[in-house]
C-alpha atoms as a PDB file:
ATOM      1  CA  UNK A   1       1.934 -17.905   1.233  1.00  0.00           C
ATOM      2  CA  UNK A   2       4.485 -19.427  -1.116  1.00  0.00           C
ATOM      3  CA  UNK A   3       7.880 -17.785  -0.969  1.00  0.00           C
ATOM      4  CA  UNK A   4       7.039 -15.860   2.190  1.00  0.00           C
ATOM      5  CA  UNK A   5       8.379 -18.150   4.877  1.00  0.00           C
ATOM      6  CA  UNK A   6      11.041 -16.885   7.262  1.00  0.00           C
ATOM      7  CA  UNK A   7      12.805 -19.657   9.191  1.00  0.00           C
ATOM      8  CA  UNK A   8      14.819 -17.388  11.461  1.00  0.00           C
ATOM      9  CA  UNK A   9      12.795 -16.433  14.534  1.00  0.00           C
ATOM     10  CA  UNK A  10      15.419 -14.035  15.852  1.00  0.00           C
ATOM     11  CA  UNK A  11      14.657 -10.313  15.897  1.00  0.00           C
ATOM     12  CA  UNK A  12      16.841  -7.262  16.015  1.00  0.00           C
ATOM     13  CA  UNK A  13      16.411  -5.604  19.414  1.00  0.00           C
ATOM     14  CA  UNK A  14      17.559  -2.316  17.927  1.00  0.00           C
ATOM     15  CA  UNK A  15      14.870  -2.233  15.227  1.00  0.00           C
ATOM     16  CA  UNK A  16      13.089   1.104  15.121  1.00  0.00           C
ATOM     17  CA  UNK A  17       9.565   0.686  16.517  1.00  0.00           C
ATOM     18  CA  UNK A  18       8.120   4.126  15.753  1.00  0.00           C
ATOM     19  CA  UNK A  19       8.572   5.671  19.199  1.00  0.00           C
ATOM     20  CA  UNK A  20       9.825   9.021  18.000  1.00  0.00           C
ATOM     21  CA  UNK A  21       7.959  12.365  18.057  1.00  0.00           C
ATOM     22  CA  UNK A  22       9.378  13.175  14.608  1.00  0.00           C
ATOM     23  CA  UNK A  23       8.129   9.861  13.184  1.00  0.00           C
ATOM     24  CA  UNK A  24       4.679  10.358  14.716  1.00  0.00           C
ATOM     25  CA  UNK A  25       4.411  13.819  13.146  1.00  0.00           C
ATOM     26  CA  UNK A  26       5.527  12.422   9.799  1.00  0.00           C
ATOM     27  CA  UNK A  27       2.970   9.616  10.012  1.00  0.00           C
ATOM     28  CA  UNK A  28       0.133  12.043  10.798  1.00  0.00           C
ATOM     29  CA  UNK A  29       1.089  14.130   7.765  1.00  0.00           C
ATOM     30  CA  UNK A  30       1.124  11.063   5.522  1.00  0.00           C
ATOM     31  CA  UNK A  31      -2.263   9.900   6.868  1.00  0.00           C
ATOM     32  CA  UNK A  32      -3.773  13.272   5.942  1.00  0.00           C
ATOM     33  CA  UNK A  33      -2.244  13.190   2.448  1.00  0.00           C
ATOM     34  CA  UNK A  34      -3.618   9.712   1.776  1.00  0.00           C
ATOM     35  CA  UNK A  35      -7.118  10.527   3.033  1.00  0.00           C
ATOM     36  CA  UNK A  36      -7.402  13.564   0.760  1.00  0.00           C
ATOM     37  CA  UNK A  37      -6.042  11.725  -2.262  1.00  0.00           C
ATOM     38  CA  UNK A  38      -8.457   8.810  -1.783  1.00  0.00           C
ATOM     39  CA  UNK A  39     -11.417  11.199  -2.121  1.00  0.00           C
ATOM     40  CA  UNK A  40      -9.889  12.974  -5.105  1.00  0.00           C
ATOM     41  CA  UNK A  41      -8.787   9.883  -7.003  1.00  0.00           C
ATOM     42  CA  UNK A  42     -11.883   7.770  -6.397  1.00  0.00           C
ATOM     43  CA  UNK A  43     -14.094  10.614  -7.637  1.00  0.00           C
ATOM     44  CA  UNK A  44     -11.887  10.981 -10.704  1.00  0.00           C
ATOM     45  CA  UNK A  45     -11.934   7.224 -11.264  1.00  0.00           C
ATOM     46  CA  UNK A  46     -15.710   7.180 -11.500  1.00  0.00           C
ATOM     47  CA  UNK A  47     -15.896  10.362 -13.583  1.00  0.00           C
ATOM     48  CA  UNK A  48     -13.181   9.112 -15.924  1.00  0.00           C
ATOM     49  CA  UNK A  49     -14.319   5.455 -15.986  1.00  0.00           C
ATOM     50  CA  UNK A  50     -10.830   4.299 -15.048  1.00  0.00           C
ATOM     51  CA  UNK A  51     -10.210   1.011 -13.224  1.00  0.00           C
ATOM     52  CA  UNK A  52      -6.560   1.952 -12.690  1.00  0.00           C
ATOM     53  CA  UNK A  53      -7.548   5.178 -10.912  1.00  0.00           C
ATOM     54  CA  UNK A  54     -10.078   3.306  -8.783  1.00  0.00           C
ATOM     55  CA  UNK A  55      -7.464   0.692  -7.900  1.00  0.00           C
ATOM     56  CA  UNK A  56      -4.985   3.364  -6.909  1.00  0.00           C
ATOM     57  CA  UNK A  57      -7.678   5.202  -4.913  1.00  0.00           C
ATOM     58  CA  UNK A  58      -8.416   2.012  -2.978  1.00  0.00           C
ATOM     59  CA  UNK A  59      -4.723   1.819  -2.172  1.00  0.00           C
ATOM     60  CA  UNK A  60      -4.971   5.341  -0.729  1.00  0.00           C
ATOM     61  CA  UNK A  61      -7.972   4.294   1.349  1.00  0.00           C
ATOM     62  CA  UNK A  62      -6.218   1.200   2.618  1.00  0.00           C
ATOM     63  CA  UNK A  63      -3.128   3.201   3.460  1.00  0.00           C
ATOM     64  CA  UNK A  64      -5.148   5.778   5.382  1.00  0.00           C
ATOM     65  CA  UNK A  65      -6.723   3.089   7.554  1.00  0.00           C
ATOM     66  CA  UNK A  66      -3.577   1.028   8.049  1.00  0.00           C
ATOM     67  CA  UNK A  67      -1.379   4.049   8.765  1.00  0.00           C
ATOM     68  CA  UNK A  68      -3.877   5.057  11.448  1.00  0.00           C
ATOM     69  CA  UNK A  69      -3.573   1.542  12.871  1.00  0.00           C
ATOM     70  CA  UNK A  70       0.217   1.834  12.748  1.00  0.00           C
ATOM     71  CA  UNK A  71       0.018   5.080  14.689  1.00  0.00           C
ATOM     72  CA  UNK A  72      -2.311   3.551  17.283  1.00  0.00           C
ATOM     73  CA  UNK A  73       0.052   0.688  18.186  1.00  0.00           C
ATOM     74  CA  UNK A  74       3.293   2.686  18.369  1.00  0.00           C
ATOM     75  CA  UNK A  75       4.933   1.866  21.688  1.00  0.00           C
ATOM     76  CA  UNK A  76       2.869  -1.294  22.203  1.00  0.00           C
ATOM     77  CA  UNK A  77       4.380  -4.727  22.812  1.00  0.00           C
ATOM     78  CA  UNK A  78       6.113  -6.413  19.878  1.00  0.00           C
ATOM     79  CA  UNK A  79       3.343  -8.990  19.525  1.00  0.00           C
ATOM     80  CA  UNK A  80       0.713  -6.234  19.327  1.00  0.00           C
ATOM     81  CA  UNK A  81       2.679  -4.335  16.691  1.00  0.00           C
ATOM     82  CA  UNK A  82       3.297  -7.513  14.712  1.00  0.00           C
ATOM     83  CA  UNK A  83      -0.404  -8.371  14.877  1.00  0.00           C
ATOM     84  CA  UNK A  84      -1.291  -4.908  13.548  1.00  0.00           C
ATOM     85  CA  UNK A  85       1.136  -5.427  10.663  1.00  0.00           C
ATOM     86  CA  UNK A  86      -0.394  -8.863  10.024  1.00  0.00           C
ATOM     87  CA  UNK A  87      -3.839  -7.255   9.762  1.00  0.00           C
ATOM     88  CA  UNK A  88      -2.446  -4.707   7.318  1.00  0.00           C
ATOM     89  CA  UNK A  89      -0.827  -7.408   5.218  1.00  0.00           C
ATOM     90  CA  UNK A  90      -4.063  -9.387   5.089  1.00  0.00           C
ATOM     91  CA  UNK A  91      -6.099  -6.310   4.134  1.00  0.00           C
ATOM     92  CA  UNK A  92      -3.629  -5.512   1.365  1.00  0.00           C
ATOM     93  CA  UNK A  93      -4.013  -9.059   0.067  1.00  0.00           C
ATOM     94  CA  UNK A  94      -7.814  -8.717   0.065  1.00  0.00           C
ATOM     95  CA  UNK A  95      -7.473  -5.413  -1.766  1.00  0.00           C
ATOM     96  CA  UNK A  96      -5.356  -7.131  -4.415  1.00  0.00           C
ATOM     97  CA  UNK A  97      -8.066  -9.752  -4.871  1.00  0.00           C
ATOM     98  CA  UNK A  98     -10.801  -7.120  -5.128  1.00  0.00           C
ATOM     99  CA  UNK A  99      -8.901  -5.052  -7.700  1.00  0.00           C
ATOM    100  CA  UNK A 100      -8.137  -8.135  -9.784  1.00  0.00           C
ATOM    101  CA  UNK A 101     -11.784  -9.261  -9.664  1.00  0.00           C
ATOM    102  CA  UNK A 102     -13.195  -5.881 -10.682  1.00  0.00           C
ATOM    103  CA  UNK A 103     -10.579  -5.579 -13.426  1.00  0.00           C
ATOM    104  CA  UNK A 104     -11.571  -8.930 -14.918  1.00  0.00           C
ATOM    105  CA  UNK A 105     -15.236  -7.887 -14.738  1.00  0.00           C
ATOM    106  CA  UNK A 106     -14.453  -4.601 -16.497  1.00  0.00           C
ATOM    107  CA  UNK A 107     -12.805  -6.474 -19.346  1.00  0.00           C
ATOM    108  CA  UNK A 108     -16.294  -7.561 -20.410  1.00  0.00           C
ATOM    109  CA  UNK A 109     -17.657  -4.014 -20.399  1.00  0.00           C
ATOM    110  CA  UNK A 110     -17.396  -1.343 -23.060  1.00  0.00           C
ATOM    111  CA  UNK A 111     -16.671   1.799 -21.044  1.00  0.00           C
ATOM    112  CA  UNK A 112     -13.470   3.496 -22.199  1.00  0.00           C
ATOM    113  CA  UNK A 113     -11.481   5.487 -19.634  1.00  0.00           C
ATOM    114  CA  UNK A 114     -10.853   9.191 -20.192  1.00  0.00           C
ATOM    115  CA  UNK A 115      -7.112   9.438 -20.800  1.00  0.00           C
ATOM    116  CA  UNK A 116      -6.622  13.116 -19.763  1.00  0.00           C
ATOM    117  CA  UNK A 117      -8.369  12.454 -16.455  1.00  0.00           C
ATOM    118  CA  UNK A 118      -6.209   9.400 -15.828  1.00  0.00           C
ATOM    119  CA  UNK A 119      -2.938  11.174 -16.504  1.00  0.00           C
ATOM    120  CA  UNK A 120      -3.914  14.447 -14.830  1.00  0.00           C
ATOM    121  CA  UNK A 121      -5.017  12.839 -11.581  1.00  0.00           C
ATOM    122  CA  UNK A 122      -2.102  10.427 -11.854  1.00  0.00           C
ATOM    123  CA  UNK A 123       0.342  13.343 -11.750  1.00  0.00           C
ATOM    124  CA  UNK A 124      -1.434  14.848  -8.725  1.00  0.00           C
ATOM    125  CA  UNK A 125      -1.362  11.515  -6.904  1.00  0.00           C
ATOM    126  CA  UNK A 126       2.301  11.006  -7.833  1.00  0.00           C
ATOM    127  CA  UNK A 127       3.194  14.371  -6.313  1.00  0.00           C
ATOM    128  CA  UNK A 128       1.342  13.438  -3.108  1.00  0.00           C
ATOM    129  CA  UNK A 129       3.039  10.057  -2.897  1.00  0.00           C
ATOM    130  CA  UNK A 130       6.520  11.330  -3.670  1.00  0.00           C
ATOM    131  CA  UNK A 131       6.018  13.806  -0.825  1.00  0.00           C
ATOM    132  CA  UNK A 132       4.968  10.927   1.452  1.00  0.00           C
ATOM    133  CA  UNK A 133       7.967   8.833   0.394  1.00  0.00           C
ATOM    134  CA  UNK A 134      10.387  11.626   1.210  1.00  0.00           C
ATOM    135  CA  UNK A 135       8.644  12.335   4.521  1.00  0.00           C
ATOM    136  CA  UNK A 136       9.105   8.672   5.517  1.00  0.00           C
ATOM    137  CA  UNK A 137      12.471   8.057   3.835  1.00  0.00           C
ATOM    138  CA  UNK A 138      14.582   8.119   7.009  1.00  0.00           C
ATOM    139  CA  UNK A 139      12.296   5.517   8.606  1.00  0.00           C
ATOM    140  CA  UNK A 140      12.102   3.026   5.714  1.00  0.00           C
ATOM    141  CA  UNK A 141      13.635   0.272   7.890  1.00  0.00           C
ATOM    142  CA  UNK A 142      12.245  -0.940  11.182  1.00  0.00           C
ATOM    143  CA  UNK A 143       9.860  -3.470  12.633  1.00  0.00           C
ATOM    144  CA  UNK A 144       7.014  -4.891  10.553  1.00  0.00           C
ATOM    145  CA  UNK A 145       4.679  -2.089  11.651  1.00  0.00           C
ATOM    146  CA  UNK A 146       7.070   0.653  10.495  1.00  0.00           C
ATOM    147  CA  UNK A 147       8.219  -1.199   7.370  1.00  0.00           C
ATOM    148  CA  UNK A 148       4.654  -1.819   6.212  1.00  0.00           C
ATOM    149  CA  UNK A 149       4.093   1.952   6.119  1.00  0.00           C
ATOM    150  CA  UNK A 150       7.158   2.398   3.923  1.00  0.00           C
ATOM    151  CA  UNK A 151       6.160  -0.404   1.548  1.00  0.00           C
ATOM    152  CA  UNK A 152       2.662   0.990   1.096  1.00  0.00           C
ATOM    153  CA  UNK A 153       4.036   4.461   0.350  1.00  0.00           C
ATOM    154  CA  UNK A 154       6.475   3.024  -2.166  1.00  0.00           C
ATOM    155  CA  UNK A 155       3.642   1.085  -3.810  1.00  0.00           C
ATOM    156  CA  UNK A 156       1.636   4.271  -4.179  1.00  0.00           C
ATOM    157  CA  UNK A 157       4.423   6.072  -6.010  1.00  0.00           C
ATOM    158  CA  UNK A 158       4.975   3.117  -8.354  1.00  0.00           C
ATOM    159  CA  UNK A 159       1.243   2.864  -8.950  1.00  0.00           C
ATOM    160  CA  UNK A 160       0.943   6.511  -9.891  1.00  0.00           C
ATOM    161  CA  UNK A 161       3.696   6.248 -12.488  1.00  0.00           C
ATOM    162  CA  UNK A 162       1.869   3.225 -13.915  1.00  0.00           C
ATOM    163  CA  UNK A 163      -1.469   5.092 -14.035  1.00  0.00           C
ATOM    164  CA  UNK A 164       0.139   8.015 -15.868  1.00  0.00           C
ATOM    165  CA  UNK A 165       1.685   5.597 -18.376  1.00  0.00           C
ATOM    166  CA  UNK A 166      -1.674   3.845 -18.808  1.00  0.00           C
ATOM    167  CA  UNK A 167      -3.359   7.174 -19.499  1.00  0.00           C
ATOM    168  CA  UNK A 168      -0.872   7.863 -22.283  1.00  0.00           C
ATOM    169  CA  UNK A 169      -1.341   4.380 -23.713  1.00  0.00           C
ATOM    170  CA  UNK A 170      -5.147   4.728 -23.649  1.00  0.00           C
ATOM    171  CA  UNK A 171      -4.861   8.035 -25.499  1.00  0.00           C
ATOM    172  CA  UNK A 172      -2.497   6.582 -28.123  1.00  0.00           C
ATOM    173  CA  UNK A 173      -4.389   3.355 -28.728  1.00  0.00           C
ATOM    174  CA  UNK A 174      -7.980   4.386 -28.052  1.00  0.00           C
ATOM    175  CA  UNK A 175      -8.328   1.115 -26.120  1.00  0.00           C
ATOM    176  CA  UNK A 176      -9.273   0.413 -22.503  1.00  0.00           C
ATOM    177  CA  UNK A 177      -6.817  -2.498 -22.276  1.00  0.00           C
ATOM    178  CA  UNK A 178      -3.815  -0.473 -21.007  1.00  0.00           C
ATOM    179  CA  UNK A 179      -5.991   0.712 -18.114  1.00  0.00           C
ATOM    180  CA  UNK A 180      -7.007  -2.840 -17.227  1.00  0.00           C
ATOM    181  CA  UNK A 181      -3.458  -4.151 -17.568  1.00  0.00           C
ATOM    182  CA  UNK A 182      -2.142  -1.505 -15.155  1.00  0.00           C
ATOM    183  CA  UNK A 183      -4.926  -2.277 -12.676  1.00  0.00           C
ATOM    184  CA  UNK A 184      -3.947  -5.962 -12.809  1.00  0.00           C
ATOM    185  CA  UNK A 185      -0.264  -5.111 -12.298  1.00  0.00           C
ATOM    186  CA  UNK A 186      -1.170  -2.982  -9.290  1.00  0.00           C
ATOM    187  CA  UNK A 187      -3.099  -5.930  -7.860  1.00  0.00           C
ATOM    188  CA  UNK A 188       0.042  -8.048  -8.270  1.00  0.00           C
ATOM    189  CA  UNK A 189       2.153  -5.396  -6.516  1.00  0.00           C
ATOM    190  CA  UNK A 190      -0.326  -5.261  -3.623  1.00  0.00           C
ATOM    191  CA  UNK A 191      -0.169  -9.057  -3.308  1.00  0.00           C
ATOM    192  CA  UNK A 192       3.644  -9.123  -3.239  1.00  0.00           C
ATOM    193  CA  UNK A 193       3.800  -6.425  -0.573  1.00  0.00           C
ATOM    194  CA  UNK A 194       1.134  -8.223   1.450  1.00  0.00           C
ATOM    195  CA  UNK A 195       3.283 -11.364   1.303  1.00  0.00           C
ATOM    196  CA  UNK A 196       6.352  -9.459   2.525  1.00  0.00           C
ATOM    197  CA  UNK A 197       4.494  -7.746   5.378  1.00  0.00           C
ATOM    198  CA  UNK A 198       2.829 -10.975   6.525  1.00  0.00           C
ATOM    199  CA  UNK A 199       6.164 -12.841   6.473  1.00  0.00           C
ATOM    200  CA  UNK A 200       7.917 -10.283   8.683  1.00  0.00           C
ATOM    201  CA  UNK A 201       4.972  -9.907  11.073  1.00  0.00           C
ATOM    202  CA  UNK A 202       4.706 -13.685  11.523  1.00  0.00           C
ATOM    203  CA  UNK A 203       8.431 -13.845  12.223  1.00  0.00           C
ATOM    204  CA  UNK A 204       8.079 -11.157  14.899  1.00  0.00           C
ATOM    205  CA  UNK A 205       5.041 -12.872  16.441  1.00  0.00           C
ATOM    206  CA  UNK A 206       6.963 -16.150  16.720  1.00  0.00           C
ATOM    207  CA  UNK A 207       9.960 -14.357  18.194  1.00  0.00           C
ATOM    208  CA  UNK A 208       7.823 -12.535  20.778  1.00  0.00           C
ATOM    209  CA  UNK A 209       6.228 -15.834  21.784  1.00  0.00           C
ATOM    210  CA  UNK A 210       9.662 -17.436  22.183  1.00  0.00           C
ATOM    211  CA  UNK A 211      10.812 -14.532  24.350  1.00  0.00           C
ATOM    212  CA  UNK A 212       7.700 -14.774  26.496  1.00  0.00           C
ATOM    213  CA  UNK A 213       8.302 -18.487  27.035  1.00  0.00           C
ATOM    214  CA  UNK A 214      11.984 -17.926  27.804  1.00  0.00           C
ATOM    215  CA  UNK A 215      13.247 -19.538  24.603  1.00  0.00           C
ATOM    216  CA  UNK A 216      15.920 -17.967  22.391  1.00  0.00           C
END
């Protein structure tokens, strides 16, 4: 992807790789939070006819699956962890494409989102994501597997603020366009994070290959 290349194949041997009982407990807690919020927000998105809520709910679903993958590869070889992060980056990119496609399709419809539902669920999701961010705060740096978890949690919190703002704009304007604009912006955020995750994971994969072949 453009702007994602990393020329330096060196890695930091001291990078945190997730092998900590405290981190594992934190990750399990965050997985549970995301799974519950996916069910809540997706249901609200359909009931409230909100593309932004549906987009944010898909982010919760993606996070639940990818956090579980992150947990599964903790302690594995660097190449395995980097490959898991690469899968997560690719899935986040596909999610961005899906959200953008459905948002464009919705622009030709006439269903108006329910502003109170958008803002109300947005506040609930924001509380869940702020909790996740604080749970993971001390582990925001690390290898691509650990860092991808942090980036996804950060995206969620940003997305929730945007959904709340969109709900207010829908209520003030009586238009569905603020909802669609926020959904498109979330798709852009997903794409940028996917680019960052893929860049770091590819760097780590190259470095692990060099180490295996005895090159520095």
